[in-house]
Amino acid sequence: MQVYLHSPMNSSKKAVERIQELMAQGMSSGQAIALVAEELRANHSGERIVARFEDEDE
């Protein structure tokens, strides 16, 4: 799975780390991505965030 977040680098890295953490706890990749996307929207500070998700398995 590759996750692309077009926002400041630090935010992107944190989002990827959060997704990986959730998956390590047993959450599916889809659920983890959805949760992190929801968290990003909830904490959005006005800058534009564009996300593209690609699943390598497909």
N, C-alpha and C. Protein backbone atom coordinates (compact mmCIF):
# COMPACT_ATOMS: atom_id res chain seq x y z
N MET A 1 0.84 -1.18 0.00
CA MET A 1 0.00 0.00 0.00
C MET A 1 0.88 1.23 0.00
N GLN A 2 0.56 2.18 -0.84
CA GLN A 2 1.25 3.45 -0.85
C GLN A 2 0.24 4.54 -0.52
N VAL A 3 0.64 5.47 0.30
CA VAL A 3 -0.22 6.59 0.67
C VAL A 3 0.48 7.86 0.27
N TYR A 4 -0.19 8.69 -0.49
CA TYR A 4 0.36 9.97 -0.90
C TYR A 4 -0.48 11.08 -0.29
N LEU A 5 0.11 11.91 0.51
CA LEU A 5 -0.58 13.06 1.08
C LEU A 5 0.18 14.30 0.65
N HIS A 6 -0.48 15.15 -0.10
CA HIS A 6 0.16 16.38 -0.56
C HIS A 6 -0.13 17.49 0.44
N SER A 7 0.67 17.55 1.45
CA SER A 7 0.59 18.53 2.51
C SER A 7 2.00 18.64 3.07
N PRO A 8 2.24 19.46 4.07
CA PRO A 8 3.60 19.57 4.60
C PRO A 8 4.18 18.20 4.93
N MET A 9 5.46 18.03 4.66
CA MET A 9 6.13 16.74 4.80
C MET A 9 5.93 16.12 6.18
N ASN A 10 6.03 16.91 7.21
CA ASN A 10 5.88 16.38 8.56
C ASN A 10 4.49 15.78 8.77
N SER A 11 3.47 16.45 8.27
CA SER A 11 2.10 15.94 8.39
C SER A 11 1.93 14.64 7.62
N SER A 12 2.53 14.56 6.44
CA SER A 12 2.46 13.34 5.64
C SER A 12 3.10 12.18 6.36
N LYS A 13 4.27 12.41 6.91
CA LYS A 13 4.99 11.36 7.62
C LYS A 13 4.18 10.89 8.83
N LYS A 14 3.60 11.82 9.55
CA LYS A 14 2.80 11.46 10.72
C LYS A 14 1.57 10.64 10.31
N ALA A 15 0.95 11.01 9.20
CA ALA A 15 -0.23 10.28 8.73
C ALA A 15 0.13 8.85 8.37
N VAL A 16 1.24 8.67 7.66
CA VAL A 16 1.68 7.33 7.28
C VAL A 16 2.01 6.51 8.52
N GLU A 17 2.72 7.13 9.46
CA GLU A 17 3.06 6.42 10.70
C GLU A 17 1.81 6.02 11.47
N ARG A 18 0.82 6.89 11.49
CA ARG A 18 -0.44 6.60 12.20
C ARG A 18 -1.17 5.43 11.54
N ILE A 19 -1.21 5.42 10.21
CA ILE A 19 -1.84 4.32 9.48
C ILE A 19 -1.12 3.01 9.78
N GLN A 20 0.21 3.03 9.74
CA GLN A 20 0.99 1.83 10.02
C GLN A 20 0.77 1.35 11.45
N GLU A 21 0.67 2.28 12.38
CA GLU A 21 0.42 1.94 13.79
C GLU A 21 -0.93 1.24 13.94
N LEU A 22 -1.95 1.79 13.31
CA LEU A 22 -3.29 1.20 13.39
C LEU A 22 -3.31 -0.19 12.77
N MET A 23 -2.63 -0.36 11.64
CA MET A 23 -2.57 -1.66 10.98
C MET A 23 -1.82 -2.67 11.84
N ALA A 24 -0.77 -2.23 12.53
CA ALA A 24 -0.02 -3.12 13.42
C ALA A 24 -0.88 -3.59 14.59
N GLN A 25 -1.89 -2.80 14.92
CA GLN A 25 -2.82 -3.16 16.00
C GLN A 25 -3.95 -4.05 15.50
N GLY A 26 -3.93 -4.39 14.21
CA GLY A 26 -4.91 -5.31 13.66
C GLY A 26 -5.99 -4.69 12.81
N MET A 27 -5.97 -3.39 12.62
CA MET A 27 -6.98 -2.72 11.81
C MET A 27 -6.65 -2.94 10.33
N SER A 28 -7.67 -3.10 9.50
CA SER A 28 -7.44 -3.26 8.07
C SER A 28 -6.91 -1.96 7.49
N SER A 29 -6.24 -2.07 6.34
CA SER A 29 -5.67 -0.87 5.72
C SER A 29 -6.76 0.14 5.37
N GLY A 30 -7.90 -0.36 4.88
CA GLY A 30 -8.99 0.54 4.52
C GLY A 30 -9.55 1.29 5.72
N GLN A 31 -9.72 0.57 6.82
CA GLN A 31 -10.22 1.21 8.04
C GLN A 31 -9.21 2.23 8.57
N ALA A 32 -7.93 1.87 8.53
CA ALA A 32 -6.89 2.77 9.03
C ALA A 32 -6.83 4.04 8.20
N ILE A 33 -6.89 3.89 6.89
CA ILE A 33 -6.86 5.06 6.00
C ILE A 33 -8.07 5.94 6.24
N ALA A 34 -9.25 5.33 6.36
CA ALA A 34 -10.48 6.10 6.59
C ALA A 34 -10.40 6.86 7.90
N LEU A 35 -9.89 6.21 8.94
CA LEU A 35 -9.79 6.86 10.25
C LEU A 35 -8.81 8.03 10.21
N VAL A 36 -7.65 7.82 9.60
CA VAL A 36 -6.66 8.89 9.52
C VAL A 36 -7.18 10.03 8.65
N ALA A 37 -7.88 9.72 7.57
CA ALA A 37 -8.46 10.77 6.74
C ALA A 37 -9.47 11.59 7.54
N GLU A 38 -10.28 10.90 8.34
CA GLU A 38 -11.25 11.59 9.20
C GLU A 38 -10.53 12.49 10.21
N GLU A 39 -9.45 11.97 10.79
CA GLU A 39 -8.67 12.76 11.75
C GLU A 39 -8.06 13.99 11.07
N LEU A 40 -7.56 13.81 9.85
CA LEU A 40 -6.99 14.95 9.12
C LEU A 40 -8.04 16.01 8.85
N ARG A 41 -9.24 15.57 8.42
CA ARG A 41 -10.31 16.54 8.16
C ARG A 41 -10.71 17.27 9.44
N ALA A 42 -10.77 16.55 10.55
CA ALA A 42 -11.16 17.16 11.83
C ALA A 42 -10.14 18.18 12.31
N ASN A 43 -8.87 17.95 11.97
CA ASN A 43 -7.80 18.84 12.43
C ASN A 43 -7.33 19.79 11.34
N HIS A 44 -8.03 19.83 10.23
CA HIS A 44 -7.63 20.66 9.08
C HIS A 44 -7.61 22.13 9.46
N SER A 45 -6.51 22.79 9.14
CA SER A 45 -6.34 24.19 9.56
C SER A 45 -6.48 25.18 8.41
N GLY A 46 -7.12 24.78 7.33
CA GLY A 46 -7.35 25.72 6.24
C GLY A 46 -6.46 25.52 5.03
N GLU A 47 -5.34 24.81 5.18
CA GLU A 47 -4.50 24.56 4.03
C GLU A 47 -5.09 23.42 3.23
N ARG A 48 -4.79 23.38 1.96
CA ARG A 48 -5.37 22.36 1.10
C ARG A 48 -4.62 21.05 1.27
N ILE A 49 -5.37 19.97 1.45
CA ILE A 49 -4.79 18.64 1.55
C ILE A 49 -5.42 17.78 0.46
N VAL A 50 -4.58 17.19 -0.37
CA VAL A 50 -5.04 16.28 -1.41
C VAL A 50 -4.43 14.93 -1.12
N ALA A 51 -5.25 13.90 -1.09
CA ALA A 51 -4.74 12.56 -0.78
C ALA A 51 -5.07 11.62 -1.92
N ARG A 52 -4.11 10.75 -2.23
CA ARG A 52 -4.33 9.70 -3.22
C ARG A 52 -3.82 8.41 -2.61
N PHE A 53 -4.65 7.39 -2.60
CA PHE A 53 -4.29 6.11 -2.00
C PHE A 53 -4.21 5.06 -3.10
N GLU A 54 -3.15 4.29 -3.11
CA GLU A 54 -2.98 3.21 -4.06
C GLU A 54 -2.70 1.94 -3.29
N ASP A 55 -3.43 0.89 -3.62
CA ASP A 55 -3.21 -0.41 -2.99
C ASP A 55 -2.39 -1.25 -3.94
N GLU A 56 -1.21 -1.66 -3.53
CA GLU A 56 -0.31 -2.42 -4.39
C GLU A 56 -0.85 -3.80 -4.71
N ASP A 57 -1.80 -4.31 -3.94
CA ASP A 57 -2.33 -5.65 -4.15
C ASP A 57 -3.27 -5.72 -5.35
N GLU A 58 -3.75 -4.61 -5.81
CA GLU A 58 -4.73 -4.62 -6.91
C GLU A 58 -4.07 -4.39 -8.23
